[in-house]
Amino acid sequence: MIHLPSAVRVYLATTPCDMRRSFDGLHALVSAVMQLDAFAGHLFVFANKRRDRVKILYWDRDGFAVWAKRLEQGTYAMPFTESGEVRCEITAQELGALLSGIDLSQAKRRKRYHRKATEAA
């Protein structure tokens, strides 16, 4: 299981990515295509067309870091869409499940308590 601070968000690119991209190329995708701030400390997840490779870009206090994994067998169940949506937000738990080989589209989320946000006066 991946333990991340609650302020960290996980954004998943919903279109395949060229895995030859590294720091600058992935940063360009986050800024131009996903239209998000790559310096915010969030995780940005990319996968290739065959869905057997994944890269995660994140800002680590004083520079970008890239985590990469190539599967020797099998694929990730990445939810690629053709609807024009370029990103979706998932939880850290869903990212852990996705990296473990679980298909999120078939997983069922059980009801949990969520505290309602109070408005500041």
N, C-alpha and C. Protein backbone atom coordinates (compact mmCIF):
# COMPACT_ATOMS: atom_id res chain seq x y z
N MET A 1 0.84 -1.18 0.00
CA MET A 1 0.00 0.00 0.00
C MET A 1 0.88 1.24 0.00
N ILE A 2 0.45 2.25 -0.73
CA ILE A 2 1.18 3.50 -0.82
C ILE A 2 0.59 4.47 0.21
N HIS A 3 1.44 5.02 1.06
CA HIS A 3 0.99 5.99 2.05
C HIS A 3 1.48 7.37 1.65
N LEU A 4 0.55 8.24 1.32
CA LEU A 4 0.86 9.60 0.91
C LEU A 4 0.12 10.57 1.82
N PRO A 5 0.65 11.78 2.00
CA PRO A 5 -0.09 12.77 2.77
C PRO A 5 -1.45 13.04 2.14
N SER A 6 -2.43 13.39 2.96
CA SER A 6 -3.79 13.58 2.45
C SER A 6 -3.89 14.73 1.46
N ALA A 7 -2.95 15.67 1.50
CA ALA A 7 -2.98 16.81 0.58
C ALA A 7 -2.52 16.44 -0.82
N VAL A 8 -1.84 15.31 -0.97
CA VAL A 8 -1.33 14.89 -2.28
C VAL A 8 -2.45 14.28 -3.10
N ARG A 9 -2.59 14.78 -4.30
CA ARG A 9 -3.58 14.22 -5.23
C ARG A 9 -2.87 13.39 -6.29
N VAL A 10 -3.61 12.48 -6.89
CA VAL A 10 -3.07 11.61 -7.94
C VAL A 10 -3.88 11.84 -9.19
N TYR A 11 -3.20 12.28 -10.26
CA TYR A 11 -3.86 12.53 -11.54
C TYR A 11 -3.37 11.51 -12.55
N LEU A 12 -4.30 10.90 -13.24
CA LEU A 12 -4.02 9.86 -14.21
C LEU A 12 -4.28 10.40 -15.61
N ALA A 13 -3.28 10.31 -16.48
CA ALA A 13 -3.47 10.71 -17.88
C ALA A 13 -4.35 9.65 -18.54
N THR A 14 -5.41 10.08 -19.21
CA THR A 14 -6.36 9.12 -19.79
C THR A 14 -6.08 8.82 -21.25
N THR A 15 -4.93 9.27 -21.74
CA THR A 15 -4.49 8.93 -23.09
C THR A 15 -3.09 8.33 -22.98
N PRO A 16 -2.72 7.44 -23.89
CA PRO A 16 -1.38 6.84 -23.84
C PRO A 16 -0.28 7.89 -24.00
N CYS A 17 0.86 7.59 -23.40
CA CYS A 17 2.01 8.49 -23.42
C CYS A 17 3.21 7.77 -24.03
N ASP A 18 4.04 8.52 -24.73
CA ASP A 18 5.29 8.00 -25.27
C ASP A 18 6.25 7.83 -24.09
N MET A 19 6.66 6.61 -23.79
CA MET A 19 7.50 6.35 -22.63
C MET A 19 8.94 6.79 -22.82
N ARG A 20 9.29 7.33 -23.99
CA ARG A 20 10.61 7.92 -24.16
C ARG A 20 10.70 9.28 -23.48
N ARG A 21 9.55 9.83 -23.13
CA ARG A 21 9.54 11.12 -22.42
C ARG A 21 10.13 10.95 -21.03
N SER A 22 10.84 11.98 -20.61
CA SER A 22 11.40 11.97 -19.27
C SER A 22 10.93 13.22 -18.54
N PHE A 23 11.75 13.78 -17.70
CA PHE A 23 11.35 14.90 -16.84
C PHE A 23 10.69 16.04 -17.61
N ASP A 24 11.39 16.59 -18.58
CA ASP A 24 10.87 17.76 -19.29
C ASP A 24 9.66 17.44 -20.15
N GLY A 25 9.68 16.29 -20.81
CA GLY A 25 8.55 15.90 -21.65
C GLY A 25 7.28 15.63 -20.84
N LEU A 26 7.44 14.97 -19.70
CA LEU A 26 6.28 14.71 -18.84
C LEU A 26 5.78 16.00 -18.20
N HIS A 27 6.72 16.87 -17.81
CA HIS A 27 6.33 18.17 -17.26
C HIS A 27 5.53 18.97 -18.29
N ALA A 28 5.94 18.91 -19.54
CA ALA A 28 5.21 19.60 -20.61
C ALA A 28 3.79 19.04 -20.76
N LEU A 29 3.62 17.73 -20.64
CA LEU A 29 2.29 17.13 -20.72
C LEU A 29 1.41 17.58 -19.56
N VAL A 30 1.98 17.64 -18.37
CA VAL A 30 1.21 18.08 -17.21
C VAL A 30 0.75 19.52 -17.39
N SER A 31 1.67 20.38 -17.82
CA SER A 31 1.36 21.81 -17.97
C SER A 31 0.44 22.10 -19.15
N ALA A 32 0.80 21.61 -20.32
CA ALA A 32 0.07 21.98 -21.54
C ALA A 32 -1.19 21.15 -21.77
N VAL A 33 -1.10 19.86 -21.60
CA VAL A 33 -2.23 18.98 -21.93
C VAL A 33 -3.19 18.82 -20.74
N MET A 34 -2.63 18.47 -19.58
CA MET A 34 -3.48 18.27 -18.41
C MET A 34 -3.87 19.59 -17.74
N GLN A 35 -3.15 20.65 -18.07
CA GLN A 35 -3.39 22.00 -17.56
C GLN A 35 -3.39 22.03 -16.03
N LEU A 36 -2.33 21.46 -15.46
CA LEU A 36 -2.16 21.43 -14.01
C LEU A 36 -0.77 21.95 -13.65
N ASP A 37 -0.58 22.30 -12.39
CA ASP A 37 0.70 22.79 -11.90
C ASP A 37 1.54 21.61 -11.42
N ALA A 38 2.60 21.32 -12.15
CA ALA A 38 3.44 20.17 -11.82
C ALA A 38 4.25 20.40 -10.55
N PHE A 39 4.38 21.65 -10.10
CA PHE A 39 5.16 21.97 -8.92
C PHE A 39 4.35 21.87 -7.62
N ALA A 40 3.10 21.46 -7.70
CA ALA A 40 2.21 21.42 -6.54
C ALA A 40 2.48 20.24 -5.62
N GLY A 41 3.31 19.29 -6.04
CA GLY A 41 3.62 18.14 -5.20
C GLY A 41 2.70 16.95 -5.41
N HIS A 42 1.85 17.01 -6.41
CA HIS A 42 0.94 15.91 -6.70
C HIS A 42 1.62 14.87 -7.59
N LEU A 43 1.00 13.71 -7.72
CA LEU A 43 1.53 12.65 -8.58
C LEU A 43 0.80 12.66 -9.91
N PHE A 44 1.56 12.51 -10.99
CA PHE A 44 1.00 12.48 -12.34
C PHE A 44 1.40 11.16 -12.98
N VAL A 45 0.40 10.33 -13.30
CA VAL A 45 0.63 8.96 -13.74
C VAL A 45 0.38 8.85 -15.24
N PHE A 46 1.34 8.24 -15.93
CA PHE A 46 1.27 8.05 -17.39
C PHE A 46 1.55 6.60 -17.72
N ALA A 47 0.90 6.10 -18.78
CA ALA A 47 1.13 4.73 -19.24
C ALA A 47 1.26 4.73 -20.76
N ASN A 48 1.90 3.70 -21.28
CA ASN A 48 2.05 3.61 -22.73
C ASN A 48 0.83 2.94 -23.36
N LYS A 49 0.81 2.91 -24.69
CA LYS A 49 -0.33 2.37 -25.42
C LYS A 49 -0.57 0.89 -25.13
N ARG A 50 0.51 0.12 -24.96
CA ARG A 50 0.37 -1.32 -24.67
C ARG A 50 0.00 -1.58 -23.21
N ARG A 51 0.08 -0.54 -22.38
CA ARG A 51 -0.26 -0.60 -20.95
C ARG A 51 0.64 -1.54 -20.16
N ASP A 52 1.88 -1.70 -20.60
CA ASP A 52 2.81 -2.53 -19.83
C ASP A 52 3.90 -1.71 -19.16
N ARG A 53 3.85 -0.38 -19.33
CA ARG A 53 4.81 0.51 -18.70
C ARG A 53 4.07 1.69 -18.09
N VAL A 54 4.59 2.15 -16.96
CA VAL A 54 3.99 3.30 -16.29
C VAL A 54 5.10 4.20 -15.76
N LYS A 55 4.85 5.51 -15.79
CA LYS A 55 5.75 6.49 -15.19
C LYS A 55 4.93 7.43 -14.33
N ILE A 56 5.52 7.81 -13.21
CA ILE A 56 4.88 8.76 -12.30
C ILE A 56 5.84 9.93 -12.11
N LEU A 57 5.37 11.12 -12.43
CA LEU A 57 6.16 12.34 -12.26
C LEU A 57 5.67 13.06 -11.01
N TYR A 58 6.60 13.56 -10.20
CA TYR A 58 6.22 14.36 -9.04
C TYR A 58 7.35 15.31 -8.67
N TRP A 59 6.98 16.41 -8.03
CA TRP A 59 7.93 17.41 -7.57
C TRP A 59 8.35 17.02 -6.16
N ASP A 60 9.65 16.86 -5.95
CA ASP A 60 10.17 16.40 -4.66
C ASP A 60 11.01 17.50 -4.01
N ARG A 61 10.36 18.52 -3.50
CA ARG A 61 10.92 19.67 -2.80
C ARG A 61 11.93 20.49 -3.58
N ASP A 62 12.92 19.88 -4.24
CA ASP A 62 13.93 20.66 -4.95
C ASP A 62 14.19 20.18 -6.37
N GLY A 63 13.31 19.34 -6.88
CA GLY A 63 13.47 18.85 -8.25
C GLY A 63 12.41 17.82 -8.59
N PHE A 64 12.28 17.55 -9.88
CA PHE A 64 11.33 16.54 -10.32
C PHE A 64 11.93 15.15 -10.12
N ALA A 65 11.06 14.20 -9.84
CA ALA A 65 11.44 12.80 -9.73
C ALA A 65 10.50 11.99 -10.62
N VAL A 66 11.03 10.94 -11.21
CA VAL A 66 10.23 10.05 -12.06
C VAL A 66 10.38 8.64 -11.54
N TRP A 67 9.25 8.00 -11.28
CA TRP A 67 9.21 6.60 -10.90
C TRP A 67 8.72 5.85 -12.13
N ALA A 68 9.41 4.79 -12.50
CA ALA A 68 9.03 4.04 -13.71
C ALA A 68 9.00 2.55 -13.41
N LYS A 69 8.09 1.85 -14.11
CA LYS A 69 8.01 0.39 -13.99
C LYS A 69 7.60 -0.21 -15.32
N ARG A 70 8.27 -1.30 -15.67
CA ARG A 70 7.93 -2.08 -16.87
C ARG A 70 7.55 -3.48 -16.44
N LEU A 71 6.37 -3.91 -16.84
CA LEU A 71 5.93 -5.27 -16.51
C LEU A 71 6.58 -6.27 -17.46
N GLU A 72 7.02 -7.38 -16.92
CA GLU A 72 7.59 -8.44 -17.75
C GLU A 72 6.48 -9.26 -18.39
N GLN A 73 5.33 -9.31 -17.74
CA GLN A 73 4.19 -10.06 -18.26
C GLN A 73 2.92 -9.35 -17.80
N GLY A 74 1.91 -9.34 -18.64
CA GLY A 74 0.65 -8.74 -18.27
C GLY A 74 0.59 -7.25 -18.57
N THR A 75 -0.50 -6.62 -18.18
CA THR A 75 -0.71 -5.20 -18.44
C THR A 75 -1.38 -4.55 -17.24
N TYR A 76 -1.30 -3.23 -17.22
CA TYR A 76 -2.05 -2.44 -16.24
C TYR A 76 -3.44 -2.19 -16.79
N ALA A 77 -4.41 -2.10 -15.93
CA ALA A 77 -5.79 -1.82 -16.35
C ALA A 77 -6.02 -0.32 -16.35
N MET A 78 -5.31 0.39 -17.21
CA MET A 78 -5.40 1.85 -17.27
C MET A 78 -6.71 2.24 -17.94
N PRO A 79 -7.45 3.16 -17.34
CA PRO A 79 -8.74 3.58 -17.92
C PRO A 79 -8.57 4.64 -19.00
N PHE A 80 -8.02 4.26 -20.15
CA PHE A 80 -7.90 5.20 -21.27
C PHE A 80 -9.28 5.51 -21.83
N THR A 81 -9.51 6.77 -22.18
CA THR A 81 -10.80 7.18 -22.75
C THR A 81 -10.57 7.90 -24.07
N GLU A 82 -11.59 7.90 -24.88
CA GLU A 82 -11.54 8.63 -26.14
C GLU A 82 -12.56 9.76 -26.14
N SER A 83 -13.04 10.11 -24.95
CA SER A 83 -14.09 11.12 -24.84
C SER A 83 -13.56 12.54 -24.84
N GLY A 84 -12.25 12.72 -24.97
CA GLY A 84 -11.67 14.05 -24.95
C GLY A 84 -11.19 14.45 -23.57
N GLU A 85 -11.52 13.67 -22.57
CA GLU A 85 -11.05 13.94 -21.21
C GLU A 85 -9.58 13.55 -21.13
N VAL A 86 -8.72 14.48 -20.70
CA VAL A 86 -7.28 14.23 -20.71
C VAL A 86 -6.74 13.75 -19.38
N ARG A 87 -7.54 13.84 -18.32
CA ARG A 87 -7.07 13.40 -17.00
C ARG A 87 -8.25 12.98 -16.14
N CYS A 88 -7.95 12.19 -15.14
CA CYS A 88 -8.92 11.88 -14.10
C CYS A 88 -8.16 11.81 -12.78
N GLU A 89 -8.85 12.11 -11.72
CA GLU A 89 -8.23 12.07 -10.40
C GLU A 89 -8.61 10.77 -9.71
N ILE A 90 -7.62 10.11 -9.15
CA ILE A 90 -7.85 8.88 -8.40
C ILE A 90 -7.23 9.04 -7.01
N THR A 91 -7.58 8.16 -6.11
CA THR A 91 -7.01 8.21 -4.76
C THR A 91 -5.69 7.45 -4.73
N ALA A 92 -4.94 7.66 -3.66
CA ALA A 92 -3.68 6.92 -3.48
C ALA A 92 -3.96 5.43 -3.38
N GLN A 93 -5.07 5.06 -2.75
CA GLN A 93 -5.43 3.65 -2.64
C GLN A 93 -5.74 3.05 -4.01
N GLU A 94 -6.42 3.82 -4.84
CA GLU A 94 -6.72 3.35 -6.20
C GLU A 94 -5.45 3.22 -7.02
N LEU A 95 -4.49 4.12 -6.81
CA LEU A 95 -3.20 4.00 -7.50
C LEU A 95 -2.50 2.72 -7.08
N GLY A 96 -2.49 2.44 -5.79
CA GLY A 96 -1.89 1.19 -5.30
C GLY A 96 -2.55 -0.03 -5.90
N ALA A 97 -3.88 0.00 -5.99
CA ALA A 97 -4.61 -1.12 -6.58
C ALA A 97 -4.28 -1.25 -8.07
N LEU A 98 -4.23 -0.13 -8.77
CA LEU A 98 -3.92 -0.14 -10.20
C LEU A 98 -2.53 -0.72 -10.46
N LEU A 99 -1.55 -0.32 -9.64
CA LEU A 99 -0.19 -0.83 -9.80
C LEU A 99 -0.09 -2.30 -9.40
N SER A 100 -1.03 -2.77 -8.59
CA SER A 100 -1.06 -4.18 -8.18
C SER A 100 -1.78 -5.08 -9.18
N GLY A 101 -2.37 -4.48 -10.21
CA GLY A 101 -3.02 -5.28 -11.24
C GLY A 101 -4.53 -5.36 -11.10
N ILE A 102 -5.12 -4.53 -10.27
CA ILE A 102 -6.57 -4.55 -10.08
C ILE A 102 -7.23 -3.62 -11.08
N ASP A 103 -8.28 -4.10 -11.73
CA ASP A 103 -9.04 -3.31 -12.69
C ASP A 103 -10.04 -2.45 -11.92
N LEU A 104 -9.82 -1.14 -11.89
CA LEU A 104 -10.66 -0.24 -11.12
C LEU A 104 -12.09 -0.17 -11.65
N SER A 105 -12.28 -0.43 -12.93
CA SER A 105 -13.63 -0.37 -13.50
C SER A 105 -14.51 -1.49 -12.97
N GLN A 106 -13.92 -2.58 -12.52
CA GLN A 106 -14.69 -3.70 -11.99
C GLN A 106 -14.70 -3.75 -10.46
N ALA A 107 -13.88 -2.89 -9.84
CA ALA A 107 -13.84 -2.86 -8.38
C ALA A 107 -15.04 -2.08 -7.87
N LYS A 108 -15.55 -2.49 -6.74
CA LYS A 108 -16.71 -1.83 -6.17
C LYS A 108 -16.30 -1.16 -4.86
N ARG A 109 -16.57 0.13 -4.76
CA ARG A 109 -16.23 0.87 -3.55
C ARG A 109 -17.37 0.77 -2.55
N ARG A 110 -17.03 0.39 -1.34
CA ARG A 110 -18.00 0.27 -0.27
C ARG A 110 -18.24 1.65 0.35
N LYS A 111 -19.41 1.85 0.89
CA LYS A 111 -19.78 3.13 1.49
C LYS A 111 -18.91 3.41 2.72
N ARG A 112 -18.41 4.63 2.82
CA ARG A 112 -17.60 5.07 3.95
C ARG A 112 -18.09 6.41 4.44
N TYR A 113 -17.80 6.71 5.69
CA TYR A 113 -18.17 7.99 6.29
C TYR A 113 -17.25 9.08 5.76
N HIS A 114 -17.83 10.20 5.34
CA HIS A 114 -17.07 11.38 4.92
C HIS A 114 -17.62 12.56 5.69
N ARG A 115 -16.75 13.22 6.43
CA ARG A 115 -17.17 14.39 7.19
C ARG A 115 -17.46 15.54 6.25
N LYS A 116 -18.57 16.19 6.47
CA LYS A 116 -18.96 17.31 5.62
C LYS A 116 -18.10 18.52 5.97
N ALA A 117 -17.67 19.23 4.95
CA ALA A 117 -16.85 20.42 5.16
C ALA A 117 -17.72 21.52 5.77
N THR A 118 -17.19 22.18 6.77
CA THR A 118 -17.91 23.29 7.39
C THR A 118 -17.45 24.59 6.76
N GLU A 119 -18.37 25.49 6.60
CA GLU A 119 -18.04 26.78 6.00
C GLU A 119 -17.48 27.72 7.04
N ALA A 120 -16.42 28.42 6.66
CA ALA A 120 -15.81 29.39 7.57
C ALA A 120 -16.67 30.64 7.62
N ALA A 121 -16.86 31.17 8.79
CA ALA A 121 -17.73 32.35 8.96
C ALA A 121 -16.98 33.63 8.69
